[in-house]
Amino acid sequence: MKNLMIQLVSVIAIGFASTQLQAADAEAGKSKAAVCAACHGQDGNSNAATPNFPKLAGQHASYIDAQLKAFRQGAKTQGKEGRFDPAMSSQAMNLSDEDIADISAYYASLTVTPGGVQKDLKALGEAIYRGGNEDTGVSACIACHGPRGVGNAPATFPSLSGQLTAYTVKQLKDFRDGKRSNQMMNMIAAKMTDKEIEAVASYVAGLH
């Protein structure tokens, strides 16, 4: 009975979050996201000058929504829960659910600028992305992020297509080192070498 109640509450929560996103106002999100442009670009496309800030243009609204709420929770719990980053948590801490939904809808409505893959890393990056590494147990990225790297919105698997290589490298290393928490990604990244991480990050930058 307890498990059934937990599942029911989870379904209701997911349904409520989905309804909020559907009702989100991207135009209102544009004005609310004005402060975000300094790091993420006027059109949601950060660049090589700010490599540690991700491109948000074209990212799934569901994923941005989940991450902003995680940053907000991280701010309120001083990093004990959620996701904590000094800059992002301070920005998210005063956002309402409506603000987050609107901002997420706005960035999802934009178009990501395509990146490029480093030629000497393409073969390894493609091999890991599409087939993983059977010898070390690294799972293929394509299973969750798709053949074009566009992810899966309902499952909140992010789009990786066109993302800055440096940002993806940092996130994979943070997953590997336990600095960022996601059970699935922690397990996968823990088995990846620096070279594999660099190659995959470069490969997805060129996917579109």
N, C-alpha and C. Protein backbone atom coordinates (compact mmCIF):
# COMPACT_ATOMS: atom_id res chain seq x y z
N MET A 1 0.82 -1.20 0.00
CA MET A 1 0.00 0.00 0.00
C MET A 1 0.87 1.26 0.00
N LYS A 2 1.94 1.22 0.82
CA LYS A 2 2.83 2.37 0.90
C LYS A 2 3.47 2.67 -0.45
N ASN A 3 3.94 1.61 -1.13
CA ASN A 3 4.56 1.79 -2.44
C ASN A 3 3.56 2.32 -3.46
N LEU A 4 2.31 1.84 -3.35
CA LEU A 4 1.27 2.29 -4.26
C LEU A 4 1.01 3.79 -4.07
N MET A 5 0.99 4.22 -2.81
CA MET A 5 0.75 5.64 -2.53
C MET A 5 1.90 6.49 -3.07
N ILE A 6 3.14 6.01 -2.90
CA ILE A 6 4.30 6.74 -3.40
C ILE A 6 4.22 6.89 -4.91
N GLN A 7 3.84 5.78 -5.59
CA GLN A 7 3.72 5.82 -7.04
C GLN A 7 2.63 6.78 -7.48
N LEU A 8 1.51 6.79 -6.74
CA LEU A 8 0.39 7.66 -7.07
C LEU A 8 0.79 9.13 -6.93
N VAL A 9 1.47 9.44 -5.84
CA VAL A 9 1.92 10.81 -5.60
C VAL A 9 2.89 11.24 -6.70
N SER A 10 3.78 10.32 -7.10
CA SER A 10 4.75 10.62 -8.16
C SER A 10 4.06 10.91 -9.48
N VAL A 11 3.05 10.10 -9.81
CA VAL A 11 2.29 10.30 -11.04
C VAL A 11 1.59 11.65 -11.03
N ILE A 12 0.99 12.00 -9.89
CA ILE A 12 0.30 13.28 -9.76
C ILE A 12 1.28 14.43 -9.91
N ALA A 13 2.46 14.30 -9.27
CA ALA A 13 3.48 15.35 -9.33
C ALA A 13 3.97 15.55 -10.75
N ILE A 14 4.21 14.43 -11.47
CA ILE A 14 4.68 14.51 -12.85
C ILE A 14 3.61 15.15 -13.73
N GLY A 15 2.35 14.76 -13.49
CA GLY A 15 1.26 15.33 -14.26
C GLY A 15 1.10 16.82 -14.03
N PHE A 16 1.28 17.24 -12.77
CA PHE A 16 1.18 18.66 -12.43
C PHE A 16 2.30 19.45 -13.09
N ALA A 17 3.52 18.90 -13.04
CA ALA A 17 4.67 19.57 -13.66
C ALA A 17 4.48 19.68 -15.17
N SER A 18 3.93 18.61 -15.78
CA SER A 18 3.69 18.62 -17.22
C SER A 18 2.67 19.69 -17.59
N THR A 19 1.63 19.82 -16.77
CA THR A 19 0.59 20.82 -17.01
C THR A 19 1.17 22.22 -16.93
N GLN A 20 2.04 22.45 -15.95
CA GLN A 20 2.69 23.75 -15.80
C GLN A 20 3.51 24.10 -17.03
N LEU A 21 4.25 23.13 -17.54
CA LEU A 21 5.08 23.38 -18.71
C LEU A 21 4.23 23.67 -19.94
N GLN A 22 3.12 22.96 -20.08
CA GLN A 22 2.24 23.18 -21.21
C GLN A 22 1.63 24.58 -21.17
N ALA A 23 1.42 25.10 -19.97
CA ALA A 23 0.81 26.42 -19.81
C ALA A 23 1.84 27.54 -19.77
N ALA A 24 3.11 27.20 -19.92
CA ALA A 24 4.18 28.19 -19.81
C ALA A 24 4.11 29.23 -20.93
N ASP A 25 4.59 30.42 -20.62
CA ASP A 25 4.57 31.55 -21.55
C ASP A 25 6.00 31.88 -21.97
N ALA A 26 6.37 31.46 -23.18
CA ALA A 26 7.73 31.68 -23.67
C ALA A 26 8.05 33.15 -23.81
N GLU A 27 7.07 33.96 -24.18
CA GLU A 27 7.29 35.39 -24.35
C GLU A 27 7.60 36.03 -23.00
N ALA A 28 6.87 35.60 -21.97
CA ALA A 28 7.16 36.10 -20.61
C ALA A 28 8.53 35.60 -20.17
N GLY A 29 8.86 34.38 -20.58
CA GLY A 29 10.16 33.80 -20.24
C GLY A 29 11.31 34.59 -20.83
N LYS A 30 11.09 35.20 -22.00
CA LYS A 30 12.14 35.98 -22.65
C LYS A 30 12.58 37.14 -21.77
N SER A 31 11.63 37.87 -21.20
CA SER A 31 11.98 38.99 -20.34
C SER A 31 12.57 38.52 -19.02
N LYS A 32 12.06 37.40 -18.50
CA LYS A 32 12.57 36.86 -17.24
C LYS A 32 13.99 36.32 -17.40
N ALA A 33 14.34 35.93 -18.62
CA ALA A 33 15.66 35.35 -18.88
C ALA A 33 16.70 36.39 -19.27
N ALA A 34 16.34 37.67 -19.23
CA ALA A 34 17.26 38.72 -19.66
C ALA A 34 18.59 38.66 -18.91
N VAL A 35 18.51 38.39 -17.62
CA VAL A 35 19.73 38.34 -16.80
C VAL A 35 20.60 37.14 -17.16
N CYS A 36 20.01 36.12 -17.76
CA CYS A 36 20.74 34.90 -18.11
C CYS A 36 21.66 35.10 -19.31
N ALA A 37 21.38 36.14 -20.11
CA ALA A 37 22.11 36.35 -21.36
C ALA A 37 23.60 36.59 -21.13
N ALA A 38 23.97 37.14 -20.00
CA ALA A 38 25.37 37.44 -19.73
C ALA A 38 26.24 36.20 -19.80
N CYS A 39 25.69 35.06 -19.38
CA CYS A 39 26.45 33.81 -19.38
C CYS A 39 26.05 32.88 -20.52
N HIS A 40 24.77 32.90 -20.88
CA HIS A 40 24.26 31.91 -21.85
C HIS A 40 24.00 32.49 -23.24
N GLY A 41 24.33 33.77 -23.43
CA GLY A 41 24.18 34.37 -24.75
C GLY A 41 22.80 34.98 -24.98
N GLN A 42 22.75 35.99 -25.82
CA GLN A 42 21.48 36.67 -26.11
C GLN A 42 20.45 35.74 -26.73
N ASP A 43 20.94 34.75 -27.49
CA ASP A 43 20.04 33.81 -28.17
C ASP A 43 20.11 32.42 -27.54
N GLY A 44 20.64 32.36 -26.32
CA GLY A 44 20.73 31.07 -25.63
C GLY A 44 21.92 30.23 -26.06
N ASN A 45 22.79 30.81 -26.89
CA ASN A 45 23.96 30.08 -27.36
C ASN A 45 25.23 30.70 -26.77
N SER A 46 25.71 30.11 -25.70
CA SER A 46 26.99 30.54 -25.16
C SER A 46 28.07 30.14 -26.15
N ASN A 47 29.29 30.65 -25.97
CA ASN A 47 30.32 30.38 -26.97
C ASN A 47 31.65 30.04 -26.32
N ALA A 48 32.67 29.94 -27.15
CA ALA A 48 33.99 29.52 -26.67
C ALA A 48 34.57 30.47 -25.64
N ALA A 49 34.08 31.72 -25.62
CA ALA A 49 34.57 32.68 -24.64
C ALA A 49 34.03 32.38 -23.24
N THR A 50 32.93 31.64 -23.19
CA THR A 50 32.32 31.25 -21.90
C THR A 50 32.06 29.74 -21.92
N PRO A 51 33.12 28.94 -22.03
CA PRO A 51 32.96 27.49 -22.27
C PRO A 51 32.34 26.70 -21.12
N ASN A 52 32.32 27.26 -19.93
CA ASN A 52 31.75 26.52 -18.81
C ASN A 52 30.25 26.77 -18.63
N PHE A 53 29.70 27.65 -19.49
CA PHE A 53 28.27 27.92 -19.45
C PHE A 53 27.60 27.23 -20.64
N PRO A 54 26.63 26.37 -20.40
CA PRO A 54 26.05 25.59 -21.50
C PRO A 54 25.16 26.41 -22.43
N LYS A 55 25.06 25.93 -23.66
CA LYS A 55 24.04 26.44 -24.56
C LYS A 55 22.69 25.95 -24.04
N LEU A 56 21.73 26.84 -23.96
CA LEU A 56 20.38 26.47 -23.52
C LEU A 56 19.38 26.48 -24.67
N ALA A 57 19.75 27.11 -25.77
CA ALA A 57 18.86 27.18 -26.93
C ALA A 57 18.51 25.78 -27.42
N GLY A 58 17.23 25.53 -27.60
CA GLY A 58 16.78 24.24 -28.12
C GLY A 58 16.77 23.11 -27.12
N GLN A 59 17.17 23.41 -25.88
CA GLN A 59 17.14 22.37 -24.86
C GLN A 59 15.69 22.08 -24.45
N HIS A 60 15.41 20.85 -24.07
CA HIS A 60 14.05 20.50 -23.68
C HIS A 60 13.60 21.33 -22.47
N ALA A 61 12.39 21.86 -22.55
CA ALA A 61 11.86 22.64 -21.44
C ALA A 61 11.81 21.80 -20.17
N SER A 62 11.48 20.52 -20.32
CA SER A 62 11.38 19.64 -19.15
C SER A 62 12.71 19.51 -18.44
N TYR A 63 13.79 19.48 -19.21
CA TYR A 63 15.13 19.34 -18.61
C TYR A 63 15.56 20.64 -17.93
N ILE A 64 15.38 21.78 -18.60
CA ILE A 64 15.75 23.05 -17.99
C ILE A 64 14.94 23.27 -16.72
N ASP A 65 13.65 22.97 -16.79
CA ASP A 65 12.77 23.11 -15.63
C ASP A 65 13.29 22.28 -14.45
N ALA A 66 13.65 21.04 -14.72
CA ALA A 66 14.14 20.15 -13.66
C ALA A 66 15.45 20.66 -13.07
N GLN A 67 16.34 21.16 -13.92
CA GLN A 67 17.64 21.63 -13.44
C GLN A 67 17.52 22.91 -12.64
N LEU A 68 16.68 23.84 -13.08
CA LEU A 68 16.49 25.08 -12.33
C LEU A 68 15.89 24.80 -10.95
N LYS A 69 14.97 23.85 -10.90
CA LYS A 69 14.38 23.49 -9.60
C LYS A 69 15.42 22.80 -8.71
N ALA A 70 16.30 22.03 -9.33
CA ALA A 70 17.36 21.38 -8.56
C ALA A 70 18.34 22.42 -8.02
N PHE A 71 18.66 23.43 -8.82
CA PHE A 71 19.54 24.51 -8.36
C PHE A 71 18.85 25.29 -7.23
N ARG A 72 17.57 25.53 -7.38
CA ARG A 72 16.82 26.25 -6.34
C ARG A 72 16.83 25.47 -5.03
N GLN A 73 16.61 24.17 -5.13
CA GLN A 73 16.65 23.32 -3.94
C GLN A 73 18.05 23.30 -3.33
N GLY A 74 19.07 23.29 -4.19
CA GLY A 74 20.45 23.31 -3.70
C GLY A 74 20.75 24.57 -2.92
N ALA A 75 20.17 25.69 -3.37
CA ALA A 75 20.37 26.96 -2.66
C ALA A 75 19.71 26.93 -1.29
N LYS A 76 18.52 26.36 -1.23
CA LYS A 76 17.78 26.34 0.03
C LYS A 76 18.36 25.38 1.06
N THR A 77 19.05 24.34 0.57
CA THR A 77 19.60 23.33 1.48
C THR A 77 21.12 23.40 1.60
N GLN A 78 21.69 24.47 1.02
CA GLN A 78 23.15 24.63 1.03
C GLN A 78 23.87 23.43 0.42
N GLY A 79 23.27 22.90 -0.61
CA GLY A 79 23.90 21.81 -1.35
C GLY A 79 23.64 20.42 -0.80
N LYS A 80 22.90 20.31 0.28
CA LYS A 80 22.62 18.99 0.85
C LYS A 80 21.64 18.21 -0.01
N GLU A 81 20.79 18.92 -0.70
CA GLU A 81 19.84 18.31 -1.62
C GLU A 81 19.85 19.10 -2.92
N GLY A 82 19.35 18.48 -3.97
CA GLY A 82 19.29 19.17 -5.25
C GLY A 82 20.66 19.30 -5.89
N ARG A 83 20.87 20.36 -6.60
CA ARG A 83 22.12 20.62 -7.33
C ARG A 83 22.63 21.98 -6.92
N PHE A 84 23.87 22.07 -6.52
CA PHE A 84 24.39 23.36 -6.03
C PHE A 84 25.51 23.88 -6.90
N ASP A 85 25.38 25.14 -7.28
CA ASP A 85 26.41 25.88 -7.99
C ASP A 85 26.28 27.32 -7.51
N PRO A 86 27.36 27.94 -7.05
CA PRO A 86 27.25 29.28 -6.47
C PRO A 86 26.51 30.27 -7.35
N ALA A 87 26.83 30.27 -8.66
CA ALA A 87 26.18 31.23 -9.56
C ALA A 87 24.75 30.84 -9.86
N MET A 88 24.52 29.60 -10.28
CA MET A 88 23.19 29.18 -10.70
C MET A 88 22.21 29.07 -9.53
N SER A 89 22.67 28.58 -8.42
CA SER A 89 21.76 28.43 -7.27
C SER A 89 21.30 29.79 -6.78
N SER A 90 22.20 30.77 -6.80
CA SER A 90 21.80 32.12 -6.36
C SER A 90 20.81 32.75 -7.33
N GLN A 91 20.93 32.42 -8.62
CA GLN A 91 19.99 32.93 -9.61
C GLN A 91 18.63 32.25 -9.49
N ALA A 92 18.63 30.97 -9.18
CA ALA A 92 17.39 30.19 -9.17
C ALA A 92 16.61 30.29 -7.86
N MET A 93 17.27 30.70 -6.79
CA MET A 93 16.65 30.60 -5.46
C MET A 93 15.37 31.42 -5.30
N ASN A 94 15.26 32.51 -6.06
CA ASN A 94 14.08 33.36 -5.93
C ASN A 94 13.07 33.20 -7.06
N LEU A 95 13.30 32.20 -7.91
CA LEU A 95 12.37 31.96 -9.02
C LEU A 95 11.19 31.13 -8.56
N SER A 96 10.00 31.50 -9.00
CA SER A 96 8.81 30.70 -8.71
C SER A 96 8.72 29.57 -9.74
N ASP A 97 7.83 28.62 -9.48
CA ASP A 97 7.62 27.55 -10.46
C ASP A 97 7.18 28.12 -11.80
N GLU A 98 6.36 29.17 -11.76
CA GLU A 98 5.89 29.79 -13.00
C GLU A 98 7.05 30.44 -13.75
N ASP A 99 7.92 31.14 -13.01
CA ASP A 99 9.08 31.76 -13.64
C ASP A 99 9.94 30.70 -14.34
N ILE A 100 10.18 29.61 -13.62
CA ILE A 100 11.02 28.54 -14.17
C ILE A 100 10.39 27.93 -15.41
N ALA A 101 9.09 27.70 -15.38
CA ALA A 101 8.39 27.14 -16.54
C ALA A 101 8.48 28.09 -17.74
N ASP A 102 8.30 29.38 -17.50
CA ASP A 102 8.35 30.37 -18.59
C ASP A 102 9.75 30.46 -19.19
N ILE A 103 10.76 30.51 -18.33
CA ILE A 103 12.15 30.59 -18.81
C ILE A 103 12.50 29.33 -19.60
N SER A 104 12.07 28.19 -19.10
CA SER A 104 12.34 26.92 -19.77
C SER A 104 11.69 26.88 -21.15
N ALA A 105 10.46 27.36 -21.23
CA ALA A 105 9.75 27.39 -22.51
C ALA A 105 10.44 28.32 -23.50
N TYR A 106 10.93 29.44 -22.99
CA TYR A 106 11.61 30.40 -23.86
C TYR A 106 12.87 29.79 -24.48
N TYR A 107 13.72 29.20 -23.66
CA TYR A 107 14.95 28.63 -24.20
C TYR A 107 14.67 27.44 -25.13
N ALA A 108 13.64 26.68 -24.82
CA ALA A 108 13.27 25.55 -25.68
C ALA A 108 12.82 26.02 -27.06
N SER A 109 12.31 27.25 -27.13
CA SER A 109 11.81 27.78 -28.40
C SER A 109 12.92 28.30 -29.32
N LEU A 110 14.12 28.42 -28.79
CA LEU A 110 15.24 28.95 -29.57
C LEU A 110 15.96 27.83 -30.33
N THR A 111 16.85 28.21 -31.23
CA THR A 111 17.57 27.24 -32.05
C THR A 111 19.04 27.19 -31.65
N VAL A 112 19.52 26.00 -31.36
CA VAL A 112 20.92 25.85 -30.99
C VAL A 112 21.81 25.99 -32.22
N THR A 113 22.94 26.66 -32.05
CA THR A 113 23.88 26.77 -33.16
C THR A 113 24.72 25.50 -33.23
N PRO A 114 24.90 24.93 -34.42
CA PRO A 114 25.66 23.68 -34.53
C PRO A 114 27.13 23.88 -34.20
N GLY A 115 27.73 22.86 -33.64
CA GLY A 115 29.16 22.91 -33.35
C GLY A 115 29.91 22.03 -34.33
N GLY A 116 31.12 21.66 -33.98
CA GLY A 116 31.92 20.82 -34.86
C GLY A 116 32.72 19.82 -34.06
N VAL A 117 33.03 18.68 -34.67
CA VAL A 117 33.79 17.64 -34.00
C VAL A 117 35.26 17.75 -34.38
N GLN A 118 36.14 17.55 -33.42
CA GLN A 118 37.58 17.55 -33.68
C GLN A 118 37.91 16.28 -34.45
N LYS A 119 38.55 16.41 -35.59
CA LYS A 119 38.75 15.29 -36.52
C LYS A 119 39.45 14.10 -35.87
N ASP A 120 40.48 14.37 -35.06
CA ASP A 120 41.24 13.26 -34.50
C ASP A 120 40.51 12.55 -33.36
N LEU A 121 39.37 13.10 -32.96
CA LEU A 121 38.58 12.48 -31.88
C LEU A 121 37.28 11.86 -32.40
N LYS A 122 36.98 12.10 -33.68
CA LYS A 122 35.69 11.67 -34.23
C LYS A 122 35.48 10.16 -34.15
N ALA A 123 36.46 9.37 -34.55
CA ALA A 123 36.28 7.91 -34.59
C ALA A 123 36.02 7.35 -33.20
N LEU A 124 36.80 7.76 -32.22
CA LEU A 124 36.60 7.26 -30.86
C LEU A 124 35.29 7.78 -30.28
N GLY A 125 35.01 9.05 -30.50
CA GLY A 125 33.77 9.63 -29.98
C GLY A 125 32.54 8.94 -30.54
N GLU A 126 32.55 8.68 -31.83
CA GLU A 126 31.41 8.01 -32.46
C GLU A 126 31.28 6.58 -31.96
N ALA A 127 32.41 5.90 -31.78
CA ALA A 127 32.38 4.51 -31.31
C ALA A 127 31.78 4.41 -29.91
N ILE A 128 32.19 5.30 -29.03
CA ILE A 128 31.67 5.29 -27.65
C ILE A 128 30.21 5.72 -27.64
N TYR A 129 29.89 6.78 -28.37
CA TYR A 129 28.52 7.29 -28.39
C TYR A 129 27.54 6.23 -28.91
N ARG A 130 27.92 5.56 -29.97
CA ARG A 130 27.00 4.62 -30.61
C ARG A 130 27.08 3.20 -30.07
N GLY A 131 28.26 2.81 -29.59
CA GLY A 131 28.40 1.42 -29.15
C GLY A 131 28.93 1.21 -27.76
N GLY A 132 29.33 2.30 -27.09
CA GLY A 132 29.90 2.17 -25.76
C GLY A 132 31.27 1.50 -25.81
N ASN A 133 31.68 0.97 -24.67
CA ASN A 133 32.93 0.22 -24.58
C ASN A 133 32.64 -1.06 -23.83
N GLU A 134 32.48 -2.13 -24.59
CA GLU A 134 32.10 -3.42 -24.00
C GLU A 134 33.14 -3.92 -23.01
N ASP A 135 34.40 -3.65 -23.28
CA ASP A 135 35.47 -4.15 -22.42
C ASP A 135 35.43 -3.56 -21.02
N THR A 136 35.04 -2.29 -20.93
CA THR A 136 35.02 -1.62 -19.62
C THR A 136 33.62 -1.38 -19.08
N GLY A 137 32.61 -1.73 -19.86
CA GLY A 137 31.24 -1.60 -19.39
C GLY A 137 30.63 -0.22 -19.56
N VAL A 138 31.22 0.60 -20.42
CA VAL A 138 30.64 1.92 -20.70
C VAL A 138 29.44 1.76 -21.63
N SER A 139 28.30 2.26 -21.21
CA SER A 139 27.08 2.15 -22.02
C SER A 139 27.10 3.12 -23.19
N ALA A 140 26.43 2.74 -24.27
CA ALA A 140 26.32 3.61 -25.43
C ALA A 140 25.42 4.80 -25.11
N CYS A 141 25.87 5.99 -25.45
CA CYS A 141 25.12 7.22 -25.18
C CYS A 141 23.83 7.28 -26.00
N ILE A 142 23.86 6.63 -27.17
CA ILE A 142 22.73 6.71 -28.10
C ILE A 142 21.44 6.17 -27.51
N ALA A 143 21.56 5.27 -26.54
CA ALA A 143 20.37 4.64 -25.95
C ALA A 143 19.44 5.66 -25.30
N CYS A 144 20.02 6.69 -24.67
CA CYS A 144 19.20 7.71 -24.00
C CYS A 144 19.14 9.02 -24.78
N HIS A 145 20.21 9.32 -25.51
CA HIS A 145 20.29 10.64 -26.15
C HIS A 145 19.99 10.61 -27.64
N GLY A 146 19.76 9.40 -28.18
CA GLY A 146 19.30 9.29 -29.55
C GLY A 146 20.39 9.42 -30.60
N PRO A 147 20.11 9.01 -31.83
CA PRO A 147 21.12 9.03 -32.91
C PRO A 147 21.61 10.41 -33.27
N ARG A 148 20.77 11.43 -33.05
CA ARG A 148 21.16 12.81 -33.37
C ARG A 148 21.50 13.62 -32.12
N GLY A 149 21.49 12.95 -30.98
CA GLY A 149 21.86 13.63 -29.75
C GLY A 149 20.81 14.56 -29.19
N VAL A 150 19.55 14.36 -29.60
CA VAL A 150 18.51 15.30 -29.18
C VAL A 150 17.83 14.89 -27.88
N GLY A 151 18.22 13.77 -27.29
CA GLY A 151 17.69 13.39 -25.98
C GLY A 151 16.25 12.91 -26.01
N ASN A 152 15.60 13.02 -24.86
CA ASN A 152 14.23 12.54 -24.71
C ASN A 152 13.53 13.43 -23.69
N ALA A 153 12.65 14.30 -24.16
CA ALA A 153 12.00 15.28 -23.29
C ALA A 153 11.19 14.66 -22.16
N PRO A 154 10.30 13.68 -22.44
CA PRO A 154 9.50 13.10 -21.34
C PRO A 154 10.35 12.46 -20.25
N ALA A 155 11.48 11.89 -20.64
CA ALA A 155 12.36 11.25 -19.66
C ALA A 155 13.36 12.23 -19.06
N THR A 156 13.30 13.49 -19.47
CA THR A 156 14.23 14.55 -19.09
C THR A 156 15.69 14.19 -19.37
N PHE A 157 15.92 13.44 -20.46
CA PHE A 157 17.28 13.21 -20.94
C PHE A 157 17.62 14.40 -21.84
N PRO A 158 18.65 15.15 -21.52
CA PRO A 158 18.91 16.39 -22.25
C PRO A 158 19.37 16.19 -23.68
N SER A 159 19.13 17.22 -24.47
CA SER A 159 19.72 17.26 -25.81
C SER A 159 21.19 17.62 -25.65
N LEU A 160 22.05 16.89 -26.36
CA LEU A 160 23.48 17.16 -26.34
C LEU A 160 23.96 17.77 -27.64
N SER A 161 23.13 17.75 -28.64
CA SER A 161 23.49 18.21 -29.97
C SER A 161 23.96 19.66 -29.96
N GLY A 162 25.19 19.87 -30.46
CA GLY A 162 25.72 21.22 -30.58
C GLY A 162 26.27 21.82 -29.30
N GLN A 163 26.20 21.07 -28.19
CA GLN A 163 26.67 21.60 -26.92
C GLN A 163 28.17 21.86 -26.95
N LEU A 164 28.62 22.85 -26.22
CA LEU A 164 30.05 23.17 -26.16
C LEU A 164 30.84 21.99 -25.62
N THR A 165 31.93 21.65 -26.29
CA THR A 165 32.75 20.51 -25.89
C THR A 165 33.26 20.67 -24.46
N ALA A 166 33.77 21.84 -24.13
CA ALA A 166 34.34 22.06 -22.80
C ALA A 166 33.31 21.86 -21.70
N TYR A 167 32.07 22.28 -21.97
CA TYR A 167 31.02 22.12 -20.96
C TYR A 167 30.69 20.64 -20.76
N THR A 168 30.55 19.91 -21.85
CA THR A 168 30.24 18.48 -21.74
C THR A 168 31.36 17.72 -21.04
N VAL A 169 32.60 18.07 -21.35
CA VAL A 169 33.74 17.44 -20.66
C VAL A 169 33.64 17.67 -19.16
N LYS A 170 33.36 18.90 -18.76
CA LYS A 170 33.28 19.20 -17.33
C LYS A 170 32.16 18.41 -16.66
N GLN A 171 31.00 18.32 -17.31
CA GLN A 171 29.88 17.61 -16.70
C GLN A 171 30.18 16.12 -16.55
N LEU A 172 30.77 15.52 -17.56
CA LEU A 172 31.11 14.09 -17.49
C LEU A 172 32.14 13.82 -16.39
N LYS A 173 33.10 14.71 -16.25
CA LYS A 173 34.11 14.54 -15.19
C LYS A 173 33.48 14.77 -13.82
N ASP A 174 32.53 15.71 -13.74
CA ASP A 174 31.84 15.93 -12.46
C ASP A 174 30.99 14.71 -12.09
N PHE A 175 30.35 14.10 -13.09
CA PHE A 175 29.61 12.86 -12.83
C PHE A 175 30.56 11.76 -12.37
N ARG A 176 31.69 11.66 -13.04
CA ARG A 176 32.67 10.62 -12.72
C ARG A 176 33.22 10.80 -11.31
N ASP A 177 33.45 12.06 -10.92
CA ASP A 177 34.05 12.34 -9.62
C ASP A 177 33.03 12.50 -8.49
N GLY A 178 31.74 12.36 -8.84
CA GLY A 178 30.70 12.48 -7.82
C GLY A 178 30.37 13.91 -7.44
N LYS A 179 30.87 14.89 -8.19
CA LYS A 179 30.57 16.28 -7.90
C LYS A 179 29.17 16.66 -8.37
N ARG A 180 28.66 15.90 -9.31
CA ARG A 180 27.28 16.07 -9.78
C ARG A 180 26.59 14.73 -9.65
N SER A 181 25.38 14.76 -9.13
CA SER A 181 24.71 13.51 -8.79
C SER A 181 23.60 13.13 -9.78
N ASN A 182 23.76 11.98 -10.39
CA ASN A 182 22.73 11.34 -11.19
C ASN A 182 23.16 9.88 -11.28
N GLN A 183 22.39 9.01 -10.69
CA GLN A 183 22.82 7.62 -10.53
C GLN A 183 23.27 6.98 -11.84
N MET A 184 22.49 7.16 -12.88
CA MET A 184 22.81 6.55 -14.16
C MET A 184 24.10 7.12 -14.73
N MET A 185 24.21 8.46 -14.74
CA MET A 185 25.38 9.09 -15.31
C MET A 185 26.63 8.87 -14.45
N ASN A 186 26.46 8.80 -13.14
CA ASN A 186 27.60 8.52 -12.26
C ASN A 186 28.20 7.15 -12.59
N MET A 187 27.33 6.17 -12.81
CA MET A 187 27.79 4.80 -13.10
C MET A 187 28.51 4.73 -14.45
N ILE A 188 27.97 5.43 -15.43
CA ILE A 188 28.57 5.40 -16.77
C ILE A 188 29.90 6.14 -16.79
N ALA A 189 29.89 7.38 -16.28
CA ALA A 189 31.09 8.21 -16.33
C ALA A 189 32.24 7.63 -15.51
N ALA A 190 31.90 6.89 -14.45
CA ALA A 190 32.93 6.31 -13.59
C ALA A 190 33.84 5.36 -14.35
N LYS A 191 33.35 4.84 -15.48
CA LYS A 191 34.12 3.86 -16.26
C LYS A 191 34.81 4.49 -17.47
N MET A 192 34.66 5.80 -17.62
CA MET A 192 35.21 6.46 -18.80
C MET A 192 36.59 7.06 -18.52
N THR A 193 37.47 6.96 -19.49
CA THR A 193 38.79 7.59 -19.38
C THR A 193 38.67 9.05 -19.81
N ASP A 194 39.69 9.83 -19.50
CA ASP A 194 39.71 11.23 -19.93
C ASP A 194 39.59 11.33 -21.45
N LYS A 195 40.28 10.43 -22.15
CA LYS A 195 40.26 10.45 -23.62
C LYS A 195 38.87 10.15 -24.15
N GLU A 196 38.19 9.18 -23.56
CA GLU A 196 36.82 8.85 -23.99
C GLU A 196 35.88 10.01 -23.73
N ILE A 197 36.02 10.65 -22.59
CA ILE A 197 35.18 11.80 -22.25
C ILE A 197 35.40 12.93 -23.25
N GLU A 198 36.64 13.22 -23.54
CA GLU A 198 36.96 14.28 -24.49
C GLU A 198 36.42 13.96 -25.88
N ALA A 199 36.54 12.71 -26.28
CA ALA A 199 36.09 12.30 -27.61
C ALA A 199 34.58 12.36 -27.74
N VAL A 200 33.87 11.86 -26.75
CA VAL A 200 32.40 11.89 -26.77
C VAL A 200 31.90 13.34 -26.77
N ALA A 201 32.50 14.16 -25.93
CA ALA A 201 32.09 15.57 -25.84
C ALA A 201 32.29 16.29 -27.17
N SER A 202 33.39 15.98 -27.84
CA SER A 202 33.64 16.58 -29.15
C SER A 202 32.67 16.05 -30.19
N TYR A 203 32.37 14.77 -30.12
CA TYR A 203 31.48 14.16 -31.10
C TYR A 203 30.06 14.73 -31.01
N VAL A 204 29.53 14.87 -29.79
CA VAL A 204 28.15 15.38 -29.67
C VAL A 204 28.06 16.85 -30.05
N ALA A 205 29.17 17.58 -29.93
CA ALA A 205 29.16 18.98 -30.34
C ALA A 205 28.85 19.11 -31.83
N GLY A 206 29.23 18.09 -32.59
CA GLY A 206 29.00 18.12 -34.04
C GLY A 206 27.73 17.41 -34.48
N LEU A 207 27.00 16.82 -33.54
CA LEU A 207 25.75 16.14 -33.91
C LEU A 207 24.63 17.17 -34.15
N HIS A 208 23.85 16.95 -35.20
CA HIS A 208 22.68 17.80 -35.45
C HIS A 208 21.81 17.14 -36.51
